[in-house]
Amino acid sequence: MVSTLVTLGTVTTLVSASALPAPVSASTAGTGAPDVRRPVARYVWPLEPPVAVTAPFEAPPAPWAAGHRGVDLRAAPGTVVRAPAPGVVTFVGVVAGRGVVTLTHDDGLRSSVEPVTPVVATGGRVAAGDPVGTVSPDGGHCAADACLHWGVRRGDVYLDPVALVDGGPIVLLPTR
């Protein structure tokens, strides 16, 4: 992993240049089962860069509590939505009045994107960067501001999708 420290005033920012995959664990080695502790594949943004995060991931304090279980990315209606990593399309349908596409990636993580007008069918295989749909004009939960919501889960636990993208998360560190 390559990292760079950037100091702005009294705050130092650690910018990770890449996220390295985890080795296969002894519990899954040779079984054919994916190791879902950490992603194996490099993830890409589901939109063409540059990408603007309009609402960040906020993990809920408890599984039933409020939180933002994904990130909102600024996107105009009709913008192409792409697979963030290789995998299989495991759901295409409407949830709460919005089009949703869910992919189960080769590392066992699941990505869901909405609101989407799909161009894929359940059971289809996709590579990272393949189109899976376009941003629907209904705006989703972003109301008047068009966006794409991207959520990622490991089992029933939601993860911050930004941490999976090459470049990883930005972490603020004190200068002291």
C-alpha atoms as a PDB file:
ATOM      1  CA  MET A   1       0.000   0.000   0.000  1.00  0.00           C
ATOM      2  CA  VAL A   2       1.271   3.447  -0.894  1.00  0.00           C
ATOM      3  CA  SER A   3       0.179   6.322   1.345  1.00  0.00           C
ATOM      4  CA  THR A   4       0.751  10.045   1.323  1.00  0.00           C
ATOM      5  CA  LEU A   5       0.413  12.428   4.243  1.00  0.00           C
ATOM      6  CA  VAL A   6      -0.981  15.848   3.345  1.00  0.00           C
ATOM      7  CA  THR A   7      -1.025  18.618   5.959  1.00  0.00           C
ATOM      8  CA  LEU A   8      -3.583  21.420   5.730  1.00  0.00           C
ATOM      9  CA  GLY A   9      -3.288  23.776   8.678  1.00  0.00           C
ATOM     10  CA  THR A  10      -3.449  21.651  11.830  1.00  0.00           C
ATOM     11  CA  VAL A  11      -4.973  18.561  10.212  1.00  0.00           C
ATOM     12  CA  THR A  12      -2.928  15.868   8.529  1.00  0.00           C
ATOM     13  CA  THR A  13      -4.702  13.657   5.998  1.00  0.00           C
ATOM     14  CA  LEU A  14      -3.553  10.144   5.128  1.00  0.00           C
ATOM     15  CA  VAL A  15      -4.498   9.312   1.558  1.00  0.00           C
ATOM     16  CA  SER A  16      -4.212   5.641   0.687  1.00  0.00           C
ATOM     17  CA  ALA A  17      -3.206   4.967  -2.906  1.00  0.00           C
ATOM     18  CA  SER A  18      -4.500   1.405  -3.046  1.00  0.00           C
ATOM     19  CA  ALA A  19      -6.284  -1.206  -1.030  1.00  0.00           C
ATOM     20  CA  LEU A  20      -4.495  -4.538  -1.039  1.00  0.00           C
ATOM     21  CA  PRO A  21      -6.566  -7.712  -1.076  1.00  0.00           C
ATOM     22  CA  ALA A  22      -6.486  -9.962   1.955  1.00  0.00           C
ATOM     23  CA  PRO A  23      -4.879 -13.368   1.637  1.00  0.00           C
ATOM     24  CA  VAL A  24      -7.159 -16.375   1.498  1.00  0.00           C
ATOM     25  CA  SER A  25      -7.883 -17.530   5.028  1.00  0.00           C
ATOM     26  CA  ALA A  26      -7.182 -21.028   6.254  1.00  0.00           C
ATOM     27  CA  SER A  27     -10.923 -21.474   6.845  1.00  0.00           C
ATOM     28  CA  THR A  28     -11.716 -21.009   3.132  1.00  0.00           C
ATOM     29  CA  ALA A  29      -8.487 -22.171   1.460  1.00  0.00           C
ATOM     30  CA  GLY A  30      -9.197 -24.999  -0.951  1.00  0.00           C
ATOM     31  CA  THR A  31     -12.950 -25.006  -0.259  1.00  0.00           C
ATOM     32  CA  GLY A  32     -13.949 -22.836  -3.189  1.00  0.00           C
ATOM     33  CA  ALA A  33     -15.811 -20.564  -0.759  1.00  0.00           C
ATOM     34  CA  PRO A  34     -15.045 -16.856  -1.052  1.00  0.00           C
ATOM     35  CA  ASP A  35     -13.210 -15.159   1.788  1.00  0.00           C
ATOM     36  CA  VAL A  36     -15.610 -12.324   2.632  1.00  0.00           C
ATOM     37  CA  ARG A  37     -13.487 -10.764   5.382  1.00  0.00           C
ATOM     38  CA  ARG A  38     -12.027  -8.291   2.886  1.00  0.00           C
ATOM     39  CA  PRO A  39     -12.493  -7.749  -0.832  1.00  0.00           C
ATOM     40  CA  VAL A  40     -10.270  -9.700  -3.208  1.00  0.00           C
ATOM     41  CA  ALA A  41     -10.993  -7.658  -6.329  1.00  0.00           C
ATOM     42  CA  ARG A  42     -10.241  -3.995  -6.763  1.00  0.00           C
ATOM     43  CA  TYR A  43     -13.476  -2.069  -6.866  1.00  0.00           C
ATOM     44  CA  VAL A  44     -14.204   0.779  -9.264  1.00  0.00           C
ATOM     45  CA  TRP A  45     -16.701   3.602  -8.935  1.00  0.00           C
ATOM     46  CA  PRO A  46     -20.138   2.676 -10.321  1.00  0.00           C
ATOM     47  CA  LEU A  47     -20.064   6.028 -12.170  1.00  0.00           C
ATOM     48  CA  GLU A  48     -17.471   7.420 -14.539  1.00  0.00           C
ATOM     49  CA  PRO A  49     -14.960   9.555 -12.570  1.00  0.00           C
ATOM     50  CA  PRO A  50     -14.709  12.195 -11.356  1.00  0.00           C
ATOM     51  CA  VAL A  51     -17.228  11.152  -8.709  1.00  0.00           C
ATOM     52  CA  ALA A  52     -18.770  13.514  -6.146  1.00  0.00           C
ATOM     53  CA  VAL A  53     -19.997  11.974  -2.892  1.00  0.00           C
ATOM     54  CA  THR A  54     -23.034  14.024  -1.858  1.00  0.00           C
ATOM     55  CA  ALA A  55     -23.873  11.996   1.280  1.00  0.00           C
ATOM     56  CA  PRO A  56     -21.263   9.784   2.996  1.00  0.00           C
ATOM     57  CA  PHE A  57     -21.707   6.382   4.636  1.00  0.00           C
ATOM     58  CA  GLU A  58     -22.889   6.556   8.250  1.00  0.00           C
ATOM     59  CA  ALA A  59     -22.855   3.217  10.054  1.00  0.00           C
ATOM     60  CA  PRO A  60     -25.830   2.875  12.391  1.00  0.00           C
ATOM     61  CA  PRO A  61     -24.992   2.376  16.089  1.00  0.00           C
ATOM     62  CA  ALA A  62     -27.167  -0.777  16.062  1.00  0.00           C
ATOM     63  CA  PRO A  63     -28.566  -2.905  13.198  1.00  0.00           C
ATOM     64  CA  TRP A  64     -32.071  -1.466  13.694  1.00  0.00           C
ATOM     65  CA  ALA A  65     -30.999   2.151  14.188  1.00  0.00           C
ATOM     66  CA  ALA A  66     -30.914   5.034  11.729  1.00  0.00           C
ATOM     67  CA  GLY A  67     -27.879   5.499   9.511  1.00  0.00           C
ATOM     68  CA  HIS A  68     -26.913   5.960   5.886  1.00  0.00           C
ATOM     69  CA  ARG A  69     -26.075   2.454   4.689  1.00  0.00           C
ATOM     70  CA  GLY A  70     -24.159   3.477   1.592  1.00  0.00           C
ATOM     71  CA  VAL A  71     -23.041   6.594  -0.233  1.00  0.00           C
ATOM     72  CA  ASP A  72     -24.891   8.965  -2.529  1.00  0.00           C
ATOM     73  CA  LEU A  73     -23.030   9.938  -5.682  1.00  0.00           C
ATOM     74  CA  ARG A  74     -24.027  12.959  -7.768  1.00  0.00           C
ATOM     75  CA  ALA A  75     -25.443  11.710 -11.075  1.00  0.00           C
ATOM     76  CA  ALA A  76     -27.829  13.090 -13.667  1.00  0.00           C
ATOM     77  CA  PRO A  77     -30.724  10.951 -14.884  1.00  0.00           C
ATOM     78  CA  GLY A  78     -29.568   8.757 -17.767  1.00  0.00           C
ATOM     79  CA  THR A  79     -25.988   8.457 -16.467  1.00  0.00           C
ATOM     80  CA  VAL A  80     -24.566   4.974 -17.068  1.00  0.00           C
ATOM     81  CA  VAL A  81     -24.214   2.888 -13.889  1.00  0.00           C
ATOM     82  CA  ARG A  82     -21.414   0.294 -13.924  1.00  0.00           C
ATOM     83  CA  ALA A  83     -20.565  -2.833 -11.936  1.00  0.00           C
ATOM     84  CA  PRO A  84     -18.073  -1.866  -9.212  1.00  0.00           C
ATOM     85  CA  ALA A  85     -16.454  -5.346  -9.273  1.00  0.00           C
ATOM     86  CA  PRO A  86     -16.891  -8.646 -11.108  1.00  0.00           C
ATOM     87  CA  GLY A  87     -19.782 -10.854 -10.053  1.00  0.00           C
ATOM     88  CA  VAL A  88     -23.283 -12.132 -10.736  1.00  0.00           C
ATOM     89  CA  VAL A  89     -26.502 -10.124 -10.929  1.00  0.00           C
ATOM     90  CA  THR A  90     -28.586 -11.519  -8.051  1.00  0.00           C
ATOM     91  CA  PHE A  91     -31.514  -9.071  -8.014  1.00  0.00           C
ATOM     92  CA  VAL A  92     -33.169  -6.773 -10.505  1.00  0.00           C
ATOM     93  CA  GLY A  93     -36.448  -5.225  -9.444  1.00  0.00           C
ATOM     94  CA  VAL A  94     -38.356  -2.442  -7.790  1.00  0.00           C
ATOM     95  CA  VAL A  95     -38.019  -1.734  -4.058  1.00  0.00           C
ATOM     96  CA  ALA A  96     -40.016   1.121  -2.495  1.00  0.00           C
ATOM     97  CA  GLY A  97     -40.872   2.410  -5.971  1.00  0.00           C
ATOM     98  CA  ARG A  98     -37.228   2.557  -7.150  1.00  0.00           C
ATOM     99  CA  GLY A  99     -35.328   0.344  -9.564  1.00  0.00           C
ATOM    100  CA  VAL A 100     -32.584  -1.623  -7.806  1.00  0.00           C
ATOM    101  CA  VAL A 101     -29.763  -3.815  -9.129  1.00  0.00           C
ATOM    102  CA  THR A 102     -27.858  -6.053  -6.693  1.00  0.00           C
ATOM    103  CA  LEU A 103     -24.612  -7.807  -7.602  1.00  0.00           C
ATOM    104  CA  THR A 104     -22.934 -10.572  -5.613  1.00  0.00           C
ATOM    105  CA  HIS A 105     -19.249 -10.064  -6.245  1.00  0.00           C
ATOM    106  CA  ASP A 106     -16.653 -12.813  -6.554  1.00  0.00           C
ATOM    107  CA  ASP A 107     -15.338 -11.964  -3.064  1.00  0.00           C
ATOM    108  CA  GLY A 108     -18.810 -12.504  -1.527  1.00  0.00           C
ATOM    109  CA  LEU A 109     -19.635  -8.835  -0.965  1.00  0.00           C
ATOM    110  CA  ARG A 110     -22.931  -7.527  -2.392  1.00  0.00           C
ATOM    111  CA  SER A 111     -23.402  -4.133  -4.034  1.00  0.00           C
ATOM    112  CA  SER A 112     -26.785  -2.544  -4.583  1.00  0.00           C
ATOM    113  CA  VAL A 113     -27.387   0.555  -6.690  1.00  0.00           C
ATOM    114  CA  GLU A 114     -30.536   2.681  -6.951  1.00  0.00           C
ATOM    115  CA  PRO A 115     -32.505   4.307  -8.534  1.00  0.00           C
ATOM    116  CA  VAL A 116     -31.588   2.430 -11.691  1.00  0.00           C
ATOM    117  CA  THR A 117     -33.243   1.514 -14.963  1.00  0.00           C
ATOM    118  CA  PRO A 118     -31.550  -1.882 -15.436  1.00  0.00           C
ATOM    119  CA  VAL A 119     -29.886  -3.198 -18.597  1.00  0.00           C
ATOM    120  CA  VAL A 120     -28.986  -6.566 -17.000  1.00  0.00           C
ATOM    121  CA  ALA A 121     -30.994  -9.607 -15.942  1.00  0.00           C
ATOM    122  CA  THR A 122     -30.811 -11.744 -12.814  1.00  0.00           C
ATOM    123  CA  GLY A 123     -28.216 -14.497 -13.220  1.00  0.00           C
ATOM    124  CA  GLY A 124     -26.053 -12.572 -15.678  1.00  0.00           C
ATOM    125  CA  ARG A 125     -22.316 -12.304 -15.111  1.00  0.00           C
ATOM    126  CA  VAL A 126     -20.646  -8.864 -15.145  1.00  0.00           C
ATOM    127  CA  ALA A 127     -17.062  -7.641 -15.119  1.00  0.00           C
ATOM    128  CA  ALA A 128     -15.931  -4.562 -13.226  1.00  0.00           C
ATOM    129  CA  GLY A 129     -17.003  -1.532 -15.240  1.00  0.00           C
ATOM    130  CA  ASP A 130     -19.737  -3.295 -17.238  1.00  0.00           C
ATOM    131  CA  PRO A 131     -22.946  -1.259 -17.566  1.00  0.00           C
ATOM    132  CA  VAL A 132     -25.761  -2.513 -15.306  1.00  0.00           C
ATOM    133  CA  GLY A 133     -28.229   0.316 -15.966  1.00  0.00           C
ATOM    134  CA  THR A 134     -28.778   4.043 -16.029  1.00  0.00           C
ATOM    135  CA  VAL A 135     -29.738   6.448 -13.249  1.00  0.00           C
ATOM    136  CA  SER A 136     -33.539   6.713 -13.170  1.00  0.00           C
ATOM    137  CA  PRO A 137     -35.173  10.138 -13.411  1.00  0.00           C
ATOM    138  CA  ASP A 138     -37.217   9.629 -10.203  1.00  0.00           C
ATOM    139  CA  GLY A 139     -34.331  10.953  -8.057  1.00  0.00           C
ATOM    140  CA  GLY A 140     -34.553   8.213  -5.435  1.00  0.00           C
ATOM    141  CA  HIS A 141     -34.058   9.370  -1.879  1.00  0.00           C
ATOM    142  CA  CYS A 142     -32.036  12.379  -3.030  1.00  0.00           C
ATOM    143  CA  ALA A 143     -35.312  14.141  -3.922  1.00  0.00           C
ATOM    144  CA  ALA A 144     -34.658  17.121  -6.216  1.00  0.00           C
ATOM    145  CA  ASP A 145     -30.909  16.453  -6.422  1.00  0.00           C
ATOM    146  CA  ALA A 146     -30.270  13.514  -8.731  1.00  0.00           C
ATOM    147  CA  CYS A 147     -27.956  10.887  -7.301  1.00  0.00           C
ATOM    148  CA  LEU A 148     -27.019   7.231  -7.310  1.00  0.00           C
ATOM    149  CA  HIS A 149     -27.103   5.396  -3.984  1.00  0.00           C
ATOM    150  CA  TRP A 150     -24.420   2.669  -3.708  1.00  0.00           C
ATOM    151  CA  GLY A 151     -24.588   0.280  -0.773  1.00  0.00           C
ATOM    152  CA  VAL A 152     -22.266  -2.647  -0.001  1.00  0.00           C
ATOM    153  CA  ARG A 153     -22.876  -5.521   2.416  1.00  0.00           C
ATOM    154  CA  ARG A 154     -20.856  -8.365   3.870  1.00  0.00           C
ATOM    155  CA  GLY A 155     -23.637 -10.698   4.982  1.00  0.00           C
ATOM    156  CA  ASP A 156     -26.001  -8.390   6.876  1.00  0.00           C
ATOM    157  CA  VAL A 157     -23.320  -5.832   7.760  1.00  0.00           C
ATOM    158  CA  TYR A 158     -23.136  -2.669   5.658  1.00  0.00           C
ATOM    159  CA  LEU A 159     -19.689  -1.388   4.645  1.00  0.00           C
ATOM    160  CA  ASP A 160     -18.449   1.970   3.433  1.00  0.00           C
ATOM    161  CA  PRO A 161     -18.198   1.588  -0.364  1.00  0.00           C
ATOM    162  CA  VAL A 162     -15.590   4.359  -0.626  1.00  0.00           C
ATOM    163  CA  ALA A 163     -13.161   2.173   1.352  1.00  0.00           C
ATOM    164  CA  LEU A 164     -13.281  -0.424  -1.446  1.00  0.00           C
ATOM    165  CA  VAL A 165     -12.351   1.880  -4.305  1.00  0.00           C
ATOM    166  CA  ASP A 166      -8.715   2.259  -5.348  1.00  0.00           C
ATOM    167  CA  GLY A 167      -7.497   5.207  -3.347  1.00  0.00           C
ATOM    168  CA  GLY A 168      -9.401   3.984  -0.305  1.00  0.00           C
ATOM    169  CA  PRO A 169     -10.795   6.163   2.411  1.00  0.00           C
ATOM    170  CA  ILE A 170      -9.390   9.498   3.469  1.00  0.00           C
ATOM    171  CA  VAL A 171      -8.457   9.374   7.142  1.00  0.00           C
ATOM    172  CA  LEU A 172      -7.877  12.518   9.203  1.00  0.00           C
ATOM    173  CA  LEU A 173      -5.058  12.277  11.732  1.00  0.00           C
ATOM    174  CA  PRO A 174      -4.026  14.840  14.361  1.00  0.00           C
ATOM    175  CA  THR A 175      -0.654  16.518  13.785  1.00  0.00           C
ATOM    176  CA  ARG A 176       0.448  16.032  17.385  1.00  0.00           C
END
